[in-house]
Amino acid sequence: MMTLNRTFLFYAVALIGFILLPQFMAVKYYLHLSVLALIWVIAAQGQNLIQGYTGYVSIVQAGFMGIGAYSSALMGIHFDFPVWLTITLAPFVTAFFALLTGYPSLRVKGHYFAIVTLAFNMVIFIVLMNFHQLTQGEAGITGIPKPGGTNGLLNWKDREVYYYFVLIIAVLMTALAALIVRSRIGQTLIAIRQNEDLVGAIGIAAWKYKLFAFVISAMFGGLAGAIYAHYQSFINPEIFGVAQSLDAILAVIVGGSGTIAGPIIGAFFVVFLPEYLRFADSFRLILYGLVLVLATIFMPRGIVGVTTDLLAKYGRDRK
């Protein structure tokens, strides 16, 4: 009960902090980065379901974000659907493609699964880049409308308005991820991560649960991509490549794989750290990679794991 109360208090304080955050940001650019980080929180929570809880490293999350972003934008352009409807439908479009690829991909394990999903991300990128009639290729799609249109009650061009919108979605998706993890399905996913052969031996169809995690993960990514598209009002294939999928993986690893708080911390880490390293100019990416490699080696349980260990040690020292 004490642990549950501490967890609830932590998330309550964190939520209050996020609500008040825009009031303490004098530089609007940091508010823009915060919006991007919250979008990555959604994608990283999905990545965490398949990677952190099921134990399968998927290198396609950015590709799913691309499917969500382009499907939302194109449904609005070609079918004149309302923005709210296209954002709602985008995760289901993404789920359809995840189903098509998930079953054959999940027939392999370990590094082979990672390679298959990597190839799928590359296929998505190539299609987005070369299907000019539909995606406009490298030039991308411009003029993607904001959720409230031009005559809404809220000024959706105001970054603070969009920040609170994305914050609400990120909180809801984080809560959904927590519910899944704490359900019977989530416990089965954890069991698959720990010993998949044993799960199969007791009569549980592990592939169904793995497919569920993969599809739900894709839906999180599709939703994040759709929200990103309408926030930026412009998308092109470059932002949905393999490098961005690796960012989703690193967000989970650095924050804390197999935890709910980890993807939140990791998402802000992978968005803000490259910006703070801009002073290094041409060495920025090298420093970024070095920091991430060191964090992966010396913090295998992520920031959440290190923090938990320190708090546990502090508690023991006080007794």
Protein backbone atom coordinates (compact mmCIF):
# COMPACT_ATOMS: atom_id res chain seq x y z
CA MET A 1 0.00 0.00 0.00
CA MET A 2 2.87 2.36 0.87
CA THR A 3 4.50 1.75 -2.53
CA LEU A 4 1.18 2.36 -4.29
CA ASN A 5 0.72 5.65 -2.44
CA ARG A 6 4.23 6.78 -3.35
CA THR A 7 3.67 5.91 -7.00
CA PHE A 8 0.39 7.81 -7.07
CA LEU A 9 2.04 10.81 -5.39
CA PHE A 10 4.89 10.75 -7.89
CA TYR A 11 2.57 10.81 -10.89
CA ALA A 12 0.33 13.47 -9.30
CA VAL A 13 3.32 15.76 -8.70
CA ALA A 14 4.64 15.06 -12.22
CA LEU A 15 1.26 15.91 -13.75
CA ILE A 16 1.07 19.17 -11.81
CA GLY A 17 4.58 19.97 -13.00
CA PHE A 18 3.61 19.36 -16.63
CA ILE A 19 0.49 21.51 -16.26
CA LEU A 20 2.51 24.41 -14.84
CA LEU A 21 5.49 23.96 -17.18
CA PRO A 22 4.45 26.49 -19.89
CA GLN A 23 4.13 29.22 -17.26
CA PHE A 24 7.83 28.95 -16.45
CA MET A 25 9.09 28.90 -20.03
CA ALA A 26 10.23 32.32 -21.13
CA VAL A 27 11.60 30.94 -24.41
CA LYS A 28 8.78 29.67 -26.63
CA TYR A 29 11.16 27.36 -28.48
CA TYR A 30 11.42 25.21 -25.37
CA LEU A 31 7.64 24.95 -25.35
CA HIS A 32 7.87 23.67 -28.93
CA LEU A 33 10.40 21.06 -27.82
CA SER A 34 8.10 20.09 -24.96
CA VAL A 35 5.26 19.47 -27.41
CA LEU A 36 7.55 17.26 -29.49
CA ALA A 37 8.69 15.44 -26.35
CA LEU A 38 5.08 14.72 -25.31
CA ILE A 39 4.39 13.34 -28.79
CA TRP A 40 7.43 11.10 -28.32
CA VAL A 41 6.06 10.04 -24.93
CA ILE A 42 3.07 8.53 -26.77
CA ALA A 43 5.30 6.74 -29.28
CA ALA A 44 7.73 5.58 -26.58
CA GLN A 45 4.94 4.16 -24.41
CA GLY A 46 3.95 2.02 -27.40
CA GLN A 47 7.56 1.02 -27.98
CA ASN A 48 7.83 0.06 -24.32
CA LEU A 49 4.91 -2.38 -24.58
CA ILE A 50 6.66 -4.50 -27.19
CA GLN A 51 10.26 -3.86 -26.11
CA GLY A 52 10.21 -3.33 -22.37
CA TYR A 53 7.39 -5.67 -21.36
CA THR A 54 7.36 -8.32 -24.12
CA GLY A 55 11.12 -8.39 -24.69
CA TYR A 56 11.06 -7.90 -28.48
CA VAL A 57 13.08 -5.00 -29.90
CA SER A 58 11.06 -3.45 -32.73
CA ILE A 59 12.85 -1.02 -35.06
CA VAL A 60 9.77 0.26 -36.87
CA GLN A 61 8.06 2.68 -34.49
CA ALA A 62 8.95 5.74 -36.57
CA GLY A 63 7.61 3.93 -39.64
CA PHE A 64 4.29 3.45 -37.84
CA MET A 65 4.37 7.13 -36.92
CA GLY A 66 4.79 7.86 -40.62
CA ILE A 67 1.80 5.70 -41.54
CA GLY A 68 -0.30 7.51 -38.93
CA ALA A 69 0.89 10.95 -40.03
CA TYR A 70 0.35 10.39 -43.76
CA SER A 71 -2.96 8.56 -43.36
CA SER A 72 -4.36 11.37 -41.20
CA ALA A 73 -3.16 14.07 -43.59
CA LEU A 74 -4.31 12.25 -46.75
CA MET A 75 -7.76 11.39 -45.37
CA GLY A 76 -8.28 15.07 -44.71
CA ILE A 77 -6.98 16.14 -48.12
CA HIS A 78 -8.65 13.54 -50.36
CA PHE A 79 -11.82 12.74 -48.41
CA ASP A 80 -12.31 16.05 -46.60
CA PHE A 81 -12.65 14.28 -43.25
CA PRO A 82 -12.60 16.47 -40.11
CA VAL A 83 -9.25 16.61 -38.38
CA TRP A 84 -10.56 15.00 -35.19
CA LEU A 85 -11.85 12.06 -37.23
CA THR A 86 -8.60 11.57 -39.15
CA ILE A 87 -6.57 11.63 -35.93
CA THR A 88 -8.95 9.04 -34.46
CA LEU A 89 -8.78 6.80 -37.54
CA ALA A 90 -4.99 7.02 -38.00
CA PRO A 91 -4.16 4.47 -35.25
CA PHE A 92 -6.58 1.95 -36.80
CA VAL A 93 -5.01 2.39 -40.24
CA THR A 94 -1.64 1.79 -38.61
CA ALA A 95 -3.01 -1.27 -36.81
CA PHE A 96 -4.08 -2.76 -40.15
CA PHE A 97 -0.53 -2.58 -41.50
CA ALA A 98 0.85 -3.87 -38.20
CA LEU A 99 -1.43 -6.90 -38.45
CA LEU A 100 -0.25 -7.60 -42.00
CA THR A 101 3.39 -7.54 -40.97
CA GLY A 102 3.18 -8.58 -37.32
CA TYR A 103 2.26 -12.23 -37.72
CA PRO A 104 5.11 -13.19 -40.10
CA SER A 105 7.56 -10.96 -38.21
CA LEU A 106 6.78 -12.52 -34.85
CA ARG A 107 7.49 -16.02 -36.14
CA VAL A 108 11.17 -15.19 -35.54
CA LYS A 109 12.80 -14.19 -32.27
CA GLY A 110 15.62 -12.09 -30.91
CA HIS A 111 17.87 -10.26 -33.35
CA TYR A 112 16.00 -11.74 -36.31
CA PHE A 113 12.80 -9.99 -35.26
CA ALA A 114 14.69 -6.70 -34.93
CA ILE A 115 16.12 -7.14 -38.44
CA VAL A 116 12.69 -7.90 -39.92
CA THR A 117 11.15 -4.80 -38.34
CA LEU A 118 14.15 -2.75 -39.47
CA ALA A 119 13.50 -3.91 -43.02
CA PHE A 120 9.82 -3.00 -42.68
CA ASN A 121 10.75 0.53 -41.55
CA MET A 122 12.99 0.86 -44.60
CA VAL A 123 10.15 -0.31 -46.86
CA ILE A 124 7.81 2.29 -45.36
CA PHE A 125 10.44 5.00 -45.85
CA ILE A 126 11.07 4.00 -49.47
CA VAL A 127 7.33 3.99 -50.26
CA LEU A 128 6.84 7.40 -48.66
CA MET A 129 9.84 8.75 -50.55
CA ASN A 130 8.97 7.36 -53.99
CA PHE A 131 5.16 7.26 -54.18
CA HIS A 132 5.03 10.86 -55.42
CA GLN A 133 1.41 10.74 -56.59
CA LEU A 134 0.23 10.08 -53.05
CA THR A 135 2.91 11.34 -50.64
CA GLN A 136 4.59 14.09 -52.74
CA GLY A 137 7.88 12.31 -52.15
CA GLU A 138 10.75 14.19 -50.56
CA ALA A 139 8.91 17.51 -50.89
CA GLY A 140 6.33 16.27 -48.40
CA ILE A 141 2.81 17.45 -47.67
CA THR A 142 2.20 21.04 -46.59
CA GLY A 143 -0.81 22.92 -45.28
CA ILE A 144 -2.03 20.15 -42.96
CA PRO A 145 -4.80 21.78 -40.87
CA LYS A 146 -4.77 22.20 -37.11
CA PRO A 147 -7.41 20.30 -35.07
CA GLY A 148 -9.60 23.36 -34.43
CA GLY A 149 -9.52 24.69 -37.98
CA THR A 150 -9.52 28.46 -38.47
CA ASN A 151 -12.78 29.34 -36.72
CA GLY A 152 -12.49 27.30 -33.53
CA LEU A 153 -12.86 28.62 -30.00
CA LEU A 154 -9.16 27.99 -29.35
CA ASN A 155 -6.19 29.35 -31.26
CA TRP A 156 -4.51 26.11 -32.25
CA LYS A 157 -1.58 28.02 -33.73
CA ASP A 158 -0.70 28.95 -30.16
CA ARG A 159 1.86 26.40 -28.99
CA GLU A 160 0.54 26.53 -25.45
CA VAL A 161 -2.91 25.37 -26.62
CA TYR A 162 -1.40 22.47 -28.55
CA TYR A 163 0.85 21.66 -25.59
CA TYR A 164 -2.13 21.08 -23.31
CA PHE A 165 -3.91 19.08 -26.01
CA VAL A 166 -0.92 16.77 -26.45
CA LEU A 167 -0.46 16.58 -22.67
CA ILE A 168 -4.02 15.29 -22.27
CA ILE A 169 -3.46 12.64 -24.97
CA ALA A 170 -0.09 11.64 -23.49
CA VAL A 171 -1.64 11.25 -20.02
CA LEU A 172 -4.49 9.14 -21.41
CA MET A 173 -2.16 6.90 -23.41
CA THR A 174 0.19 6.51 -20.45
CA ALA A 175 -2.79 5.51 -18.30
CA LEU A 176 -3.86 3.04 -21.00
CA ALA A 177 -0.36 1.54 -21.09
CA ALA A 178 -0.43 1.20 -17.29
CA LEU A 179 -3.83 -0.54 -17.43
CA ILE A 180 -2.57 -2.98 -20.06
CA VAL A 181 0.56 -3.77 -18.04
CA ARG A 182 -1.42 -4.37 -14.85
CA SER A 183 -4.00 -6.55 -16.59
CA ARG A 184 -3.80 -10.29 -17.16
CA ILE A 185 -2.57 -9.56 -20.69
CA GLY A 186 0.25 -7.44 -19.34
CA GLN A 187 1.31 -10.11 -16.89
CA THR A 188 1.42 -12.61 -19.76
CA LEU A 189 3.59 -10.23 -21.79
CA ILE A 190 6.02 -9.99 -18.86
CA ALA A 191 6.03 -13.79 -18.59
CA ILE A 192 6.87 -14.02 -22.32
CA ARG A 193 9.80 -11.66 -21.78
CA GLN A 194 11.10 -13.77 -18.92
CA ASN A 195 10.59 -17.24 -20.40
CA GLU A 196 8.61 -17.59 -23.63
CA ASP A 197 9.20 -21.34 -23.86
CA LEU A 198 7.65 -21.89 -20.44
CA VAL A 199 4.62 -19.77 -21.41
CA GLY A 200 4.09 -21.99 -24.44
CA ALA A 201 4.61 -25.15 -22.38
CA ILE A 202 1.70 -24.34 -20.06
CA GLY A 203 -0.67 -23.99 -23.01
CA ILE A 204 -0.72 -20.21 -23.59
CA ALA A 205 -0.63 -19.12 -27.24
CA ALA A 206 2.26 -16.68 -26.86
CA TRP A 207 2.04 -15.49 -30.47
CA LYS A 208 -1.41 -13.99 -29.86
CA TYR A 209 -0.12 -11.89 -26.99
CA LYS A 210 2.98 -10.86 -28.93
CA LEU A 211 0.83 -9.84 -31.88
CA PHE A 212 -1.44 -7.88 -29.54
CA ALA A 213 1.55 -5.99 -28.10
CA PHE A 214 2.94 -5.31 -31.57
CA VAL A 215 -0.36 -3.97 -32.91
CA ILE A 216 -1.07 -1.83 -29.83
CA SER A 217 2.47 -0.50 -30.01
CA ALA A 218 1.86 0.43 -33.65
CA MET A 219 -1.40 2.18 -32.74
CA PHE A 220 0.45 4.32 -30.19
CA GLY A 221 2.96 5.21 -32.90
CA GLY A 222 0.23 5.96 -35.44
CA LEU A 223 -1.53 8.27 -33.02
CA ALA A 224 1.72 10.07 -32.23
CA GLY A 225 2.42 10.50 -35.95
CA ALA A 226 -1.05 11.91 -36.64
CA ILE A 227 -0.75 14.43 -33.80
CA TYR A 228 2.72 15.40 -35.04
CA ALA A 229 1.46 15.97 -38.60
CA HIS A 230 -1.28 18.36 -37.52
CA TYR A 231 1.03 20.15 -35.10
CA GLN A 232 3.76 20.82 -37.66
CA SER A 233 1.33 21.25 -40.61
CA PHE A 234 4.08 19.64 -42.71
CA ILE A 235 5.48 16.15 -43.04
CA ASN A 236 8.04 14.46 -45.25
CA PRO A 237 9.62 10.99 -45.16
CA GLU A 238 12.90 12.08 -43.53
CA ILE A 239 11.37 12.31 -40.06
CA PHE A 240 10.07 8.73 -40.17
CA GLY A 241 13.27 6.88 -40.92
CA VAL A 242 15.27 4.25 -39.07
CA ALA A 243 17.15 6.88 -37.05
CA GLN A 244 13.90 8.04 -35.47
CA SER A 245 12.95 4.43 -34.66
CA LEU A 246 16.27 4.12 -32.86
CA ASP A 247 15.35 7.25 -30.90
CA ALA A 248 12.18 5.50 -29.71
CA ILE A 249 14.26 2.50 -28.60
CA LEU A 250 16.76 4.74 -26.83
CA ALA A 251 13.97 6.66 -25.09
CA VAL A 252 12.81 3.39 -23.55
CA ILE A 253 16.32 2.21 -22.64
CA VAL A 254 17.55 5.51 -21.21
CA GLY A 255 14.33 6.23 -19.31
CA GLY A 256 13.87 2.72 -17.98
CA SER A 257 12.75 -0.29 -19.97
CA GLY A 258 9.72 -2.09 -18.55
CA THR A 259 8.52 0.88 -16.49
CA ILE A 260 5.70 3.35 -17.09
CA ALA A 261 7.72 6.41 -16.05
CA GLY A 262 10.73 5.41 -18.17
CA PRO A 263 9.37 6.37 -21.60
CA ILE A 264 8.26 9.76 -20.23
CA ILE A 265 11.74 10.61 -18.98
CA GLY A 266 13.42 9.04 -22.00
CA ALA A 267 11.26 10.95 -24.50
CA PHE A 268 12.26 14.30 -23.00
CA PHE A 269 15.86 13.11 -22.88
CA VAL A 270 16.10 12.25 -26.60
CA VAL A 271 14.34 15.48 -27.62
CA PHE A 272 16.15 17.97 -25.39
CA LEU A 273 19.65 16.49 -25.25
CA PRO A 274 20.49 17.05 -28.96
CA GLU A 275 19.36 20.66 -28.59
CA TYR A 276 21.59 21.26 -25.58
CA LEU A 277 24.51 19.77 -27.49
CA ARG A 278 24.13 22.20 -30.40
CA PHE A 279 27.03 24.23 -28.96
CA ALA A 280 29.31 21.46 -30.19
CA ASP A 281 28.17 22.07 -33.78
CA SER A 282 29.70 19.32 -35.97
CA PHE A 283 30.55 17.17 -32.93
CA ARG A 284 26.98 17.30 -31.64
CA LEU A 285 25.88 13.92 -33.01
CA ILE A 286 29.10 12.29 -31.82
CA LEU A 287 28.57 13.60 -28.29
CA TYR A 288 24.92 12.60 -28.43
CA GLY A 289 25.84 9.06 -29.43
CA LEU A 290 28.56 8.89 -26.76
CA VAL A 291 26.17 9.99 -24.01
CA LEU A 292 23.61 7.41 -25.10
CA VAL A 293 26.18 4.59 -25.30
CA LEU A 294 27.52 5.41 -21.83
CA ALA A 295 24.00 5.63 -20.44
CA THR A 296 23.16 2.24 -21.92
CA ILE A 297 26.31 0.62 -20.51
CA PHE A 298 26.35 2.16 -17.04
CA MET A 299 22.58 2.51 -16.56
CA PRO A 300 21.15 -0.75 -17.95
CA ARG A 301 17.93 -0.17 -15.97
CA GLY A 302 17.68 3.41 -17.14
CA ILE A 303 17.19 6.59 -15.17
CA VAL A 304 14.16 5.14 -13.38
CA GLY A 305 16.16 2.10 -12.28
CA VAL A 306 19.06 4.20 -10.95
CA THR A 307 16.67 6.52 -9.12
CA THR A 308 14.82 3.58 -7.58
CA ASP A 309 18.08 2.04 -6.36
CA LEU A 310 19.23 5.33 -4.83
CA LEU A 311 15.92 5.85 -3.04
CA ALA A 312 15.99 2.26 -1.75
CA LYS A 313 19.56 2.73 -0.48
CA TYR A 314 18.59 6.02 1.18
CA GLY A 315 15.67 4.28 2.87
CA ARG A 316 17.91 1.50 4.19
CA ASP A 317 20.50 3.98 5.48
CA ARG A 318 17.85 5.83 7.48
CA LYS A 319 16.73 2.66 9.29
